[in-house]
N, C-alpha and C. Protein backbone atom coordinates (compact mmCIF):
# COMPACT_ATOMS: atom_id res chain seq x y z
N MET A 1 105.41 -171.57 -118.68
CA MET A 1 104.77 -172.00 -118.82
C MET A 1 103.31 -172.72 -118.17
N PHE A 2 102.84 -173.13 -118.90
CA PHE A 2 101.65 -173.34 -118.62
C PHE A 2 101.42 -174.58 -116.80
N SER A 3 100.61 -174.77 -115.91
CA SER A 3 100.91 -175.98 -115.03
C SER A 3 99.59 -176.49 -114.82
N LEU A 4 99.58 -177.03 -115.07
CA LEU A 4 97.93 -178.22 -114.59
C LEU A 4 97.85 -177.87 -113.41
N ARG A 5 98.56 -177.96 -112.08
CA ARG A 5 98.52 -177.59 -110.93
C ARG A 5 97.79 -176.63 -110.55
N SER A 6 96.80 -176.78 -109.29
CA SER A 6 96.30 -175.48 -108.93
C SER A 6 97.44 -174.41 -108.04
N LYS A 7 97.21 -173.20 -107.91
CA LYS A 7 97.99 -172.07 -107.35
C LYS A 7 98.26 -173.18 -105.86
N LYS A 8 97.07 -173.31 -105.19
CA LYS A 8 97.08 -173.78 -103.74
C LYS A 8 97.78 -174.84 -103.34
N ALA A 9 97.97 -176.35 -104.85
CA ALA A 9 99.05 -177.19 -104.84
C ALA A 9 100.33 -177.21 -105.00
N ARG A 10 100.81 -175.76 -105.61
CA ARG A 10 101.41 -175.71 -106.00
C ARG A 10 102.47 -174.77 -104.99
N VAL A 11 101.39 -173.86 -104.52
CA VAL A 11 102.58 -173.60 -102.99
C VAL A 11 102.08 -174.10 -102.12
N SER A 12 101.74 -175.03 -101.70
CA SER A 12 101.58 -176.07 -100.34
C SER A 12 102.84 -177.45 -100.71
N ASN A 13 104.03 -176.71 -99.80
CA ASN A 13 105.42 -177.44 -99.84
C ASN A 13 106.21 -176.78 -98.51
N VAL A 14 107.53 -177.75 -98.07
CA VAL A 14 107.99 -177.23 -97.47
C VAL A 14 109.57 -176.26 -97.73
N TRP A 15 109.32 -174.91 -97.95
CA TRP A 15 110.38 -174.40 -98.43
C TRP A 15 110.88 -173.38 -97.68
N LYS A 16 112.62 -172.83 -98.35
CA LYS A 16 113.19 -172.31 -97.43
C LYS A 16 114.08 -171.20 -97.83
N VAL A 17 114.56 -170.06 -97.62
CA VAL A 17 114.62 -168.96 -98.57
C VAL A 17 115.94 -169.27 -99.16
N ASP A 18 115.89 -168.93 -100.44
CA ASP A 18 117.44 -169.30 -100.99
C ASP A 18 117.90 -168.01 -101.89
N TYR A 19 117.12 -166.59 -101.95
CA TYR A 19 117.46 -165.50 -102.25
C TYR A 19 116.61 -164.16 -101.12
N TYR A 20 117.77 -163.67 -101.01
CA TYR A 20 116.29 -162.43 -99.57
C TYR A 20 117.05 -161.29 -100.71
N SER A 21 116.09 -160.14 -100.57
CA SER A 21 116.97 -158.93 -100.89
C SER A 21 115.92 -157.90 -100.11
N GLU A 22 116.94 -156.70 -99.66
CA GLU A 22 116.01 -155.52 -99.54
C GLU A 22 116.11 -154.18 -100.28
N ASN A 23 114.92 -153.47 -100.93
CA ASN A 23 115.19 -152.52 -101.74
C ASN A 23 116.31 -152.54 -102.92
N ASP A 24 116.24 -154.13 -103.48
CA ASP A 24 116.73 -154.51 -104.40
C ASP A 24 118.18 -154.54 -104.24
N VAL A 25 118.76 -155.21 -102.58
CA VAL A 25 120.18 -155.50 -102.56
C VAL A 25 120.57 -156.82 -101.70
N ASP A 26 120.95 -157.34 -102.75
CA ASP A 26 121.24 -159.03 -101.86
C ASP A 26 121.60 -159.21 -100.53
N LYS A 27 120.66 -159.36 -100.03
CA LYS A 27 121.19 -159.45 -98.11
C LYS A 27 120.97 -161.07 -97.85
N THR A 28 121.31 -162.05 -98.80
CA THR A 28 120.92 -163.32 -98.08
C THR A 28 121.88 -164.23 -97.49
N GLN A 29 123.30 -163.64 -97.55
CA GLN A 29 123.96 -163.52 -96.67
C GLN A 29 123.29 -163.78 -95.05
N GLN A 30 123.50 -162.51 -95.06
CA GLN A 30 123.34 -162.07 -93.80
C GLN A 30 122.08 -162.52 -93.17
N TYR A 31 120.79 -162.98 -94.70
CA TYR A 31 119.91 -163.31 -93.79
C TYR A 31 119.91 -164.80 -93.00
N ASN A 32 120.67 -165.48 -93.50
CA ASN A 32 120.93 -166.63 -93.52
C ASN A 32 121.45 -167.03 -92.25
N ASN A 33 122.59 -166.22 -92.25
CA ASN A 33 123.54 -166.06 -90.97
C ASN A 33 122.41 -165.47 -89.34
N LEU A 34 121.56 -164.91 -90.12
CA LEU A 34 120.55 -164.48 -89.12
C LEU A 34 119.50 -165.52 -88.36
N TYR A 35 118.86 -166.20 -89.79
CA TYR A 35 117.50 -167.31 -89.40
C TYR A 35 118.52 -168.72 -89.77
N GLN A 36 118.89 -169.43 -89.59
CA GLN A 36 119.10 -170.89 -89.87
C GLN A 36 118.04 -171.94 -89.73
N GLN A 37 118.87 -172.57 -91.09
CA GLN A 37 117.86 -173.51 -91.01
C GLN A 37 116.22 -173.09 -91.20
N ASN A 38 115.91 -172.06 -91.60
CA ASN A 38 115.05 -171.51 -92.09
C ASN A 38 114.29 -172.25 -92.87
N GLN A 39 112.46 -172.44 -92.05
CA GLN A 39 111.59 -173.06 -93.33
C GLN A 39 110.12 -172.81 -92.78
N LEU A 40 109.52 -172.69 -94.10
CA LEU A 40 108.17 -172.05 -94.69
C LEU A 40 107.53 -173.21 -94.69
N VAL A 41 106.87 -173.97 -93.88
CA VAL A 41 105.66 -175.02 -94.52
C VAL A 41 104.16 -174.32 -94.17
N ILE A 42 103.80 -174.86 -95.80
CA ILE A 42 102.95 -173.95 -96.49
C ILE A 42 101.60 -175.80 -96.20
N GLU A 43 100.81 -175.99 -95.84
CA GLU A 43 99.96 -176.90 -95.82
C GLU A 43 98.49 -176.42 -96.84
N LYS A 44 98.21 -177.32 -97.63
CA LYS A 44 97.22 -177.65 -98.95
C LYS A 44 95.54 -176.97 -97.32
N SER A 45 95.98 -177.33 -96.08
CA SER A 45 94.68 -177.38 -95.41
C SER A 45 94.17 -176.48 -94.98
N GLY A 46 95.31 -175.25 -95.37
CA GLY A 46 95.36 -173.91 -95.21
C GLY A 46 95.83 -173.59 -93.65
N ALA A 47 96.90 -174.61 -93.24
CA ALA A 47 97.99 -174.13 -92.21
C ALA A 47 99.08 -173.79 -92.58
N TYR A 48 99.95 -172.90 -91.75
CA TYR A 48 101.40 -172.98 -92.06
C TYR A 48 102.37 -173.25 -90.90
N LEU A 49 103.54 -173.16 -91.21
CA LEU A 49 104.30 -173.23 -89.97
C LEU A 49 105.72 -172.44 -90.50
N ILE A 50 106.50 -171.68 -89.40
CA ILE A 50 107.42 -171.26 -89.88
C ILE A 50 108.65 -172.03 -88.53
N HIS A 51 109.72 -172.23 -88.45
CA HIS A 51 110.74 -172.68 -88.15
C HIS A 51 112.20 -172.25 -88.72
N TYR A 52 113.02 -171.53 -87.50
CA TYR A 52 114.03 -171.33 -87.44
C TYR A 52 115.11 -171.58 -86.19
N LEU A 53 116.42 -171.32 -86.62
CA LEU A 53 117.67 -171.37 -85.76
C LEU A 53 117.32 -169.21 -85.62
N TYR A 54 117.89 -168.69 -84.53
CA TYR A 54 118.06 -167.14 -84.54
C TYR A 54 119.51 -166.99 -84.44
N GLN A 55 120.39 -167.05 -84.90
CA GLN A 55 121.79 -166.59 -84.79
C GLN A 55 122.35 -167.97 -84.77
N GLY A 56 121.46 -169.20 -84.60
CA GLY A 56 122.16 -170.15 -84.69
C GLY A 56 121.78 -171.15 -82.81
N ASN A 57 121.16 -170.45 -82.48
CA ASN A 57 120.74 -170.51 -80.67
C ASN A 57 119.16 -170.68 -80.40
N LEU A 58 118.72 -169.47 -81.30
CA LEU A 58 117.61 -169.37 -80.08
C LEU A 58 116.70 -170.17 -81.68
N ASP A 59 115.98 -171.15 -80.94
CA ASP A 59 114.92 -172.06 -81.34
C ASP A 59 113.34 -170.74 -81.69
N TYR A 60 112.84 -170.68 -82.53
CA TYR A 60 111.74 -169.87 -83.08
C TYR A 60 110.70 -170.87 -83.44
N THR A 61 109.29 -171.37 -83.42
CA THR A 61 108.21 -171.35 -84.17
C THR A 61 107.00 -170.51 -84.48
N GLU A 62 106.51 -170.39 -85.25
CA GLU A 62 105.71 -169.21 -85.62
C GLU A 62 104.44 -170.56 -86.02
N SER A 63 103.51 -170.02 -85.99
CA SER A 63 102.01 -170.97 -86.31
C SER A 63 100.99 -170.38 -87.21
N GLY A 64 100.12 -170.73 -87.70
CA GLY A 64 98.75 -170.26 -87.85
C GLY A 64 98.33 -170.43 -89.44
N ASN A 65 97.11 -169.60 -89.67
CA ASN A 65 96.42 -170.47 -90.85
C ASN A 65 96.87 -169.23 -92.31
N TRP A 66 96.80 -170.00 -93.60
CA TRP A 66 96.63 -169.24 -94.52
C TRP A 66 95.98 -168.76 -95.30
N LYS A 67 95.50 -167.99 -96.34
CA LYS A 67 94.88 -168.17 -97.83
C LYS A 67 95.37 -167.26 -98.69
N PHE A 68 94.72 -167.38 -99.97
CA PHE A 68 94.58 -166.59 -101.17
C PHE A 68 94.08 -165.20 -100.78
N ASN A 69 94.73 -163.81 -101.55
CA ASN A 69 93.85 -162.76 -101.06
C ASN A 69 92.52 -163.19 -102.35
N ASP A 70 91.72 -162.43 -102.84
CA ASP A 70 90.90 -162.69 -103.73
C ASP A 70 90.75 -162.91 -105.33
N ASN A 71 91.90 -162.62 -105.52
CA ASN A 71 92.45 -162.87 -107.22
C ASN A 71 93.45 -163.48 -107.18
N LYS A 72 94.17 -164.20 -105.93
CA LYS A 72 95.05 -164.96 -105.87
C LYS A 72 96.42 -164.66 -106.49
N THR A 73 96.75 -163.27 -106.04
CA THR A 73 98.22 -162.65 -106.69
C THR A 73 99.04 -162.38 -105.00
N ALA A 74 98.26 -162.59 -104.00
CA ALA A 74 98.95 -162.76 -102.38
C ALA A 74 98.79 -163.62 -101.60
N ILE A 75 99.56 -163.88 -100.96
CA ILE A 75 99.47 -165.03 -99.69
C ILE A 75 98.89 -164.08 -98.06
N ILE A 76 98.12 -164.30 -97.50
CA ILE A 76 97.74 -163.46 -96.31
C ILE A 76 98.11 -164.76 -95.40
N PHE A 77 99.11 -164.60 -94.32
CA PHE A 77 99.95 -165.24 -93.32
C PHE A 77 98.80 -164.96 -92.21
N TYR A 78 98.22 -165.54 -91.41
CA TYR A 78 97.38 -165.08 -90.05
C TYR A 78 97.73 -165.79 -89.13
N ARG A 79 98.88 -165.13 -88.33
CA ARG A 79 99.81 -165.84 -87.28
C ARG A 79 98.74 -166.10 -86.09
N THR A 80 98.84 -167.12 -85.28
CA THR A 80 98.38 -167.49 -84.18
C THR A 80 99.36 -167.56 -82.81
N THR A 81 100.00 -168.10 -83.29
CA THR A 81 101.15 -168.62 -82.29
C THR A 81 103.01 -168.20 -82.92
N PRO A 82 103.16 -167.65 -81.84
CA PRO A 82 103.22 -166.61 -80.56
C PRO A 82 102.52 -165.26 -81.05
N GLY A 83 101.21 -165.69 -80.48
CA GLY A 83 100.55 -164.18 -80.53
C GLY A 83 99.76 -163.99 -81.72
N THR A 84 99.39 -162.82 -82.01
CA THR A 84 98.75 -162.64 -83.61
C THR A 84 98.97 -161.78 -84.28
N ASP A 85 99.26 -161.65 -85.46
CA ASP A 85 99.48 -160.90 -86.40
C ASP A 85 98.98 -161.03 -87.52
N THR A 86 98.98 -160.62 -89.10
CA THR A 86 98.22 -160.70 -90.39
C THR A 86 99.63 -160.36 -91.05
N SER A 87 100.45 -160.95 -91.72
CA SER A 87 100.74 -159.86 -93.04
C SER A 87 100.20 -161.18 -94.88
N ASP A 88 100.92 -159.79 -95.60
CA ASP A 88 100.47 -159.59 -96.59
C ASP A 88 101.65 -159.71 -97.74
N LEU A 89 101.71 -161.11 -98.12
CA LEU A 89 102.63 -161.29 -99.55
C LEU A 89 102.14 -161.38 -100.80
N ARG A 90 102.92 -160.54 -101.67
CA ARG A 90 102.17 -160.39 -102.51
C ARG A 90 103.36 -161.61 -103.44
N ILE A 91 102.79 -161.62 -104.20
CA ILE A 91 103.63 -163.61 -105.53
C ILE A 91 104.10 -162.61 -106.37
N LEU A 92 104.88 -163.15 -106.68
CA LEU A 92 106.08 -162.59 -108.15
C LEU A 92 105.80 -163.49 -108.31
N ARG A 93 106.19 -164.64 -108.01
CA ARG A 93 106.47 -165.76 -109.56
C ARG A 93 105.90 -167.44 -107.93
N LEU A 94 105.42 -168.50 -109.34
CA LEU A 94 104.57 -169.60 -108.27
C LEU A 94 104.85 -170.49 -109.18
N LYS A 95 106.08 -171.28 -109.01
CA LYS A 95 105.83 -172.43 -109.97
C LYS A 95 106.10 -174.14 -108.87
N GLU A 96 106.11 -174.77 -110.13
CA GLU A 96 106.85 -176.46 -108.91
C GLU A 96 107.72 -176.11 -107.55
N ASN A 97 108.85 -175.44 -108.21
CA ASN A 97 110.17 -175.62 -106.93
C ASN A 97 110.49 -173.89 -107.02
N GLU A 98 109.42 -173.20 -107.13
CA GLU A 98 109.56 -171.64 -106.78
C GLU A 98 108.55 -171.19 -106.14
N LEU A 99 108.68 -170.33 -105.24
CA LEU A 99 107.97 -169.11 -104.85
C LEU A 99 108.85 -168.00 -104.51
N TRP A 100 108.22 -166.75 -104.99
CA TRP A 100 108.95 -165.26 -104.89
C TRP A 100 107.71 -164.64 -104.04
N LEU A 101 108.22 -164.10 -103.00
CA LEU A 101 106.95 -163.37 -102.45
C LEU A 101 107.70 -161.73 -102.32
N LEU A 102 106.78 -160.69 -101.95
CA LEU A 102 107.22 -159.40 -101.92
C LEU A 102 106.29 -158.53 -100.48
N ASP A 103 107.38 -158.29 -99.50
CA ASP A 103 106.55 -157.89 -98.84
C ASP A 103 107.24 -156.46 -99.37
N GLY A 104 105.82 -155.20 -99.42
CA GLY A 104 106.62 -154.07 -99.49
C GLY A 104 106.09 -153.13 -98.58
N ASP A 105 106.25 -153.50 -97.31
CA ASP A 105 105.77 -152.37 -96.43
C ASP A 105 106.91 -150.85 -96.13
N SER A 106 107.09 -150.80 -95.75
CA SER A 106 108.55 -149.83 -96.22
C SER A 106 109.87 -149.60 -96.43
N VAL A 107 110.03 -150.90 -96.12
CA VAL A 107 111.62 -151.75 -96.98
C VAL A 107 110.71 -152.38 -97.56
N ARG A 108 111.45 -152.38 -99.26
CA ARG A 108 110.91 -153.66 -99.80
C ARG A 108 111.90 -154.95 -99.79
N LYS A 109 110.79 -156.25 -99.21
CA LYS A 109 111.86 -157.08 -99.06
C LYS A 109 111.33 -158.43 -100.06
N GLU A 110 112.37 -158.80 -100.74
CA GLU A 110 112.12 -160.11 -101.64
C GLU A 110 112.18 -160.90 -101.04
N TYR A 111 111.70 -162.22 -101.08
CA TYR A 111 111.90 -163.76 -100.22
C TYR A 111 112.33 -164.30 -101.44
N ARG A 112 112.73 -165.13 -102.32
CA ARG A 112 112.82 -166.20 -102.91
C ARG A 112 113.53 -167.74 -102.90
N LEU A 113 111.93 -168.45 -102.53
CA LEU A 113 112.15 -170.30 -102.15
C LEU A 113 111.82 -170.52 -103.07
N VAL A 114 112.72 -171.87 -102.34
CA VAL A 114 112.89 -173.31 -102.88
C VAL A 114 112.37 -174.36 -102.24
N PRO A 115 112.06 -175.45 -102.54
CA PRO A 115 111.52 -175.98 -101.79
C PRO A 115 112.86 -177.12 -100.94
N PHE A 116 112.83 -177.40 -99.50
CA PHE A 116 113.54 -177.63 -98.59
C PHE A 116 114.45 -178.88 -98.83
């Protein structure tokens, strides 16, 4: 189905992980036990924020900027706090209420997100 909203408008949301896998093995339960109350806030302005409680007690917040790659098939996250780092996640699916991302380094990590 075709969306009239731009990719930027569709990706801008407050997301949570609904499904997580490593090398095609469902590890959603383990992920949710480690990263409780996980949120990914992606703003149209180009800012992002990640927040979760690690194992339910360590409060973690990360922030930075994001942009699409040149052909809009991936999102590049530029972390500025804490420390600096860059993550490039391929977009597998982007709809109004779904964002599927793939981190394909040494371990194939798939994140399926839904609105928080």
